[in-house]
């Protein structure tokens, strides 16, 4: 953790696998967030990355438990300090779920995003907890169903990204001017609907995700991905 005038920066630093969400990375990030939440010197948290990819989504070789990932997403949403996601590159699948959990997201103009789950035989189930309450409905349907890449301008339009990276300094300045109590209570107001979604849907989506990943289609999709070939259903 790097601390600068009340802003703690947490960096996803596993560029060799494009910051894929492994069990280890999820556990380490959860521990770092707990430290930030307990440290009175921390006013807000920046979540960023090394390398060209913020996160490539779930690590198919060493995935976290779906419950551990749900707990991490909820921890970000419930943290009594604002969390700002900073993207300078690619974001795929579960990485978008992390951004959905953040309170504010800024991205460089050259960044790109994709919900690629459908292409390996599964669906963006668990990450819907943080994405669907925030995304424009028609855009969510398009990108959930097609797995297409979209750019920062589209990510802003649909509600995934707050602003381009040009606004980052102004956002952090604003957070530094807020009182700890004011920030915590204001965050509670804007996260109410997201937390209601966790209460209502988390268990169902975890079970749905587990069922999908155990299916024959998902096995074919993940094998094809790892072997760098088209899955058998590709037309």
Protein backbone atom coordinates (compact mmCIF):
# COMPACT_ATOMS: atom_id res chain seq x y z
CA UNK A 1 0.00 0.00 0.00
CA UNK A 2 1.25 3.46 -0.92
CA UNK A 3 -0.19 6.41 1.02
CA UNK A 4 -0.16 9.98 -0.33
CA UNK A 5 -2.06 12.71 1.53
CA UNK A 6 -4.79 10.33 2.65
CA UNK A 7 -5.08 8.41 -0.63
CA UNK A 8 -3.99 4.77 -0.35
CA UNK A 9 -3.04 3.15 -3.65
CA UNK A 10 -3.48 -0.60 -4.04
CA UNK A 11 -1.92 -2.03 -7.19
CA UNK A 12 -2.82 -5.30 -8.89
CA UNK A 13 0.68 -6.52 -9.68
CA UNK A 14 0.62 -9.85 -11.47
CA UNK A 15 1.32 -8.80 -15.07
CA UNK A 16 2.57 -12.25 -16.06
CA UNK A 17 -1.04 -13.50 -16.07
CA UNK A 18 -2.62 -10.10 -16.82
CA UNK A 19 -3.73 -9.67 -13.21
CA UNK A 20 -6.11 -12.61 -13.50
CA UNK A 21 -8.28 -13.05 -10.41
CA UNK A 22 -6.64 -16.01 -8.70
CA UNK A 23 -7.47 -17.24 -5.23
CA UNK A 24 -4.21 -15.68 -4.01
CA UNK A 25 -4.83 -12.27 -5.59
CA UNK A 26 -8.39 -12.11 -4.22
CA UNK A 27 -7.15 -12.96 -0.71
CA UNK A 28 -4.32 -10.41 -0.87
CA UNK A 29 -6.61 -7.66 -2.10
CA UNK A 30 -9.15 -8.42 0.62
CA UNK A 31 -6.42 -8.19 3.27
CA UNK A 32 -5.15 -4.88 1.89
CA UNK A 33 -8.67 -3.42 1.84
CA UNK A 34 -9.17 -4.45 5.45
CA UNK A 35 -6.00 -2.58 6.38
CA UNK A 36 -7.20 0.51 4.52
CA UNK A 37 -10.57 0.36 6.23
CA UNK A 38 -8.97 0.22 9.66
CA UNK A 39 -6.30 2.89 9.08
CA UNK A 40 -7.51 6.36 10.16
CA UNK A 41 -4.86 7.94 7.93
CA UNK A 42 -6.60 6.58 4.83
CA UNK A 43 -9.31 8.87 3.45
CA UNK A 44 -9.89 7.01 0.17
CA UNK A 45 -8.47 4.10 -1.85
CA UNK A 46 -7.23 3.98 -5.43
CA UNK A 47 -7.31 0.54 -7.06
CA UNK A 48 -5.05 0.35 -10.10
CA UNK A 49 -2.68 -2.04 -11.88
CA UNK A 50 0.71 -2.69 -13.41
CA UNK A 51 1.08 -3.86 -17.00
CA UNK A 52 -1.31 -3.32 -19.88
CA UNK A 53 -4.29 -5.11 -18.28
CA UNK A 54 -6.25 -4.06 -15.20
CA UNK A 55 -7.57 -7.62 -14.91
CA UNK A 56 -8.24 -10.39 -17.42
CA UNK A 57 -10.98 -11.86 -15.23
CA UNK A 58 -10.97 -15.17 -13.37
CA UNK A 59 -7.75 -17.16 -13.34
CA UNK A 60 -8.93 -20.37 -14.99
CA UNK A 61 -5.93 -22.28 -13.59
CA UNK A 62 -6.30 -21.16 -9.96
CA UNK A 63 -9.72 -19.54 -9.55
CA UNK A 64 -11.00 -18.17 -6.25
CA UNK A 65 -14.04 -19.62 -4.56
CA UNK A 66 -17.15 -17.83 -5.88
CA UNK A 67 -17.98 -17.00 -2.26
CA UNK A 68 -14.55 -15.43 -1.74
CA UNK A 69 -15.03 -13.30 -4.84
CA UNK A 70 -18.52 -12.23 -3.73
CA UNK A 71 -17.07 -11.32 -0.34
CA UNK A 72 -14.37 -9.21 -2.03
CA UNK A 73 -16.89 -7.34 -4.17
CA UNK A 74 -19.08 -6.68 -1.14
CA UNK A 75 -16.06 -5.56 0.88
CA UNK A 76 -15.30 -2.88 -1.73
CA UNK A 77 -18.93 -1.74 -1.75
CA UNK A 78 -19.17 -1.67 2.06
CA UNK A 79 -15.75 -0.17 2.77
CA UNK A 80 -16.47 3.07 4.66
CA UNK A 81 -14.01 4.88 2.42
CA UNK A 82 -14.46 5.70 -1.27
CA UNK A 83 -12.72 3.37 -3.73
CA UNK A 84 -11.56 4.79 -7.07
CA UNK A 85 -10.72 2.37 -9.87
CA UNK A 86 -8.02 3.57 -12.27
CA UNK A 87 -7.69 1.76 -15.59
CA UNK A 88 -4.92 2.23 -18.13
CA UNK A 89 -5.43 -0.67 -20.50
CA UNK A 90 -7.60 -3.74 -20.94
CA UNK A 91 -10.34 -5.06 -18.64
CA UNK A 92 -12.11 -8.36 -19.19
CA UNK A 93 -14.87 -10.39 -17.52
CA UNK A 94 -14.46 -10.46 -13.73
CA UNK A 95 -12.28 -7.37 -13.88
CA UNK A 96 -15.40 -5.42 -14.81
CA UNK A 97 -17.00 -6.72 -11.62
CA UNK A 98 -14.23 -5.08 -9.61
CA UNK A 99 -14.85 -1.80 -11.41
CA UNK A 100 -18.57 -2.10 -10.76
CA UNK A 101 -17.84 -2.37 -7.03
CA UNK A 102 -15.75 0.81 -7.05
CA UNK A 103 -17.46 4.09 -6.24
CA UNK A 104 -15.71 6.04 -8.99
CA UNK A 105 -13.86 4.70 -12.05
CA UNK A 106 -11.56 6.62 -14.37
CA UNK A 107 -9.97 5.18 -17.48
CA UNK A 108 -7.43 6.28 -20.06
CA UNK A 109 -8.86 7.03 -23.49
CA UNK A 110 -7.04 4.00 -24.95
CA UNK A 111 -8.57 1.50 -22.52
CA UNK A 112 -10.98 -1.21 -23.64
CA UNK A 113 -13.45 -3.53 -21.96
CA UNK A 114 -15.27 -6.79 -22.68
CA UNK A 115 -17.59 -9.22 -20.92
CA UNK A 116 -16.18 -12.38 -22.51
CA UNK A 117 -17.89 -15.03 -20.37
CA UNK A 118 -20.38 -16.03 -23.06
CA UNK A 119 -17.48 -17.04 -25.31
CA UNK A 120 -16.29 -19.74 -22.91
CA UNK A 121 -19.73 -21.15 -22.17
CA UNK A 122 -20.59 -19.32 -18.95
CA UNK A 123 -22.21 -15.99 -18.01
CA UNK A 124 -21.30 -12.86 -16.01
CA UNK A 125 -23.27 -14.21 -13.06
CA UNK A 126 -21.52 -13.12 -9.86
CA UNK A 127 -20.30 -9.81 -11.27
CA UNK A 128 -23.91 -8.91 -12.09
CA UNK A 129 -24.18 -8.03 -8.40
CA UNK A 130 -22.13 -4.88 -9.00
CA UNK A 131 -22.75 -4.30 -12.70
CA UNK A 132 -26.49 -4.58 -13.34
CA UNK A 133 -27.52 -1.94 -10.74
CA UNK A 134 -25.24 0.56 -12.51
CA UNK A 135 -25.23 -0.24 -16.25
CA UNK A 136 -27.62 1.13 -18.86
CA UNK A 137 -29.94 -1.81 -19.61
CA UNK A 138 -29.68 -1.99 -23.40
CA UNK A 139 -25.89 -1.71 -23.29
CA UNK A 140 -25.68 -4.43 -20.64
CA UNK A 141 -27.75 -6.74 -22.83
CA UNK A 142 -25.59 -6.11 -25.88
CA UNK A 143 -22.23 -6.67 -24.22
CA UNK A 144 -23.36 -9.55 -22.00
CA UNK A 145 -24.64 -11.39 -25.09
CA UNK A 146 -21.97 -10.59 -27.68
CA UNK A 147 -18.74 -10.37 -25.71
CA UNK A 148 -17.74 -7.43 -27.93
CA UNK A 149 -15.00 -5.04 -26.91
CA UNK A 150 -15.99 -1.44 -26.18
CA UNK A 151 -13.96 1.69 -25.55
CA UNK A 152 -13.77 4.22 -22.75
CA UNK A 153 -16.32 6.57 -24.31
CA UNK A 154 -18.88 3.75 -24.44
CA UNK A 155 -17.95 2.66 -20.91
CA UNK A 156 -18.72 6.19 -19.69
CA UNK A 157 -22.01 6.31 -21.61
CA UNK A 158 -23.24 3.00 -20.20
CA UNK A 159 -22.29 3.78 -16.58
CA UNK A 160 -19.27 1.51 -16.07
CA UNK A 161 -16.72 4.33 -16.05
CA UNK A 162 -17.23 7.71 -14.39
CA UNK A 163 -14.79 9.83 -16.39
CA UNK A 164 -11.57 9.81 -18.36
CA UNK A 165 -8.22 9.86 -16.60
CA UNK A 166 -8.00 13.64 -17.11
CA UNK A 167 -10.41 14.04 -14.19
CA UNK A 168 -8.47 11.89 -11.72
CA UNK A 169 -6.64 14.71 -9.91
CA UNK A 170 -9.86 16.70 -9.46
CA UNK A 171 -11.66 13.63 -8.08
CA UNK A 172 -8.88 12.86 -5.59
CA UNK A 173 -8.74 16.53 -4.56
CA UNK A 174 -12.46 16.42 -3.89
CA UNK A 175 -12.13 13.29 -1.76
CA UNK A 176 -9.36 14.90 0.29
CA UNK A 177 -11.72 17.78 1.11
CA UNK A 178 -14.43 15.46 2.47
CA UNK A 179 -14.67 14.55 6.14
CA UNK A 180 -14.31 10.85 7.04
CA UNK A 181 -17.87 10.77 8.38
CA UNK A 182 -19.24 12.71 5.42
CA UNK A 183 -17.58 10.37 2.94
CA UNK A 184 -18.71 7.22 4.75
CA UNK A 185 -22.32 8.33 5.07
CA UNK A 186 -22.50 9.65 1.52
CA UNK A 187 -21.14 6.34 0.25
CA UNK A 188 -23.81 4.47 2.23
CA UNK A 189 -26.47 6.45 0.39
CA UNK A 190 -25.19 5.69 -3.11
CA UNK A 191 -24.49 2.00 -2.46
CA UNK A 192 -27.88 1.10 -0.97
CA UNK A 193 -29.31 -0.44 -4.13
CA UNK A 194 -26.15 -2.43 -4.82
CA UNK A 195 -26.19 -3.91 -1.32
CA UNK A 196 -29.87 -4.78 -1.71
CA UNK A 197 -28.86 -6.78 -4.78
CA UNK A 198 -26.25 -8.66 -2.74
CA UNK A 199 -28.83 -9.51 -0.08
CA UNK A 200 -31.38 -10.70 -2.62
CA UNK A 201 -29.29 -12.38 -5.32
CA UNK A 202 -25.80 -13.34 -4.12
CA UNK A 203 -26.52 -16.97 -3.18
CA UNK A 204 -28.50 -17.65 -6.35
CA UNK A 205 -25.78 -16.18 -8.56
CA UNK A 206 -23.02 -18.11 -6.81
CA UNK A 207 -24.93 -21.34 -7.34
CA UNK A 208 -25.66 -20.45 -10.95
CA UNK A 209 -22.00 -19.63 -11.57
CA UNK A 210 -20.85 -22.93 -10.02
CA UNK A 211 -23.32 -24.88 -12.16
CA UNK A 212 -22.21 -23.14 -15.34
CA UNK A 213 -18.49 -23.67 -14.69
CA UNK A 214 -19.13 -27.38 -14.05
CA UNK A 215 -20.97 -27.85 -17.35
CA UNK A 216 -19.71 -29.62 -20.46
CA UNK A 217 -19.97 -26.43 -22.51
CA UNK A 218 -17.82 -24.53 -20.04
CA UNK A 219 -15.21 -27.28 -20.01
CA UNK A 220 -15.05 -27.09 -23.79
CA UNK A 221 -14.93 -23.29 -23.71
CA UNK A 222 -12.15 -23.10 -21.13
CA UNK A 223 -10.15 -25.83 -22.85
CA UNK A 224 -10.47 -24.04 -26.19
CA UNK A 225 -9.39 -20.77 -24.56
CA UNK A 226 -6.31 -22.33 -22.97
CA UNK A 227 -5.46 -24.14 -26.23
CA UNK A 228 -5.97 -20.93 -28.22
CA UNK A 229 -8.54 -22.45 -30.58
CA UNK A 230 -12.21 -21.88 -31.38
CA UNK A 231 -14.71 -23.81 -29.22
CA UNK A 232 -16.77 -26.45 -31.01
CA UNK A 233 -19.92 -24.29 -31.03
CA UNK A 234 -18.31 -21.42 -32.96
CA UNK A 235 -20.20 -20.82 -36.22
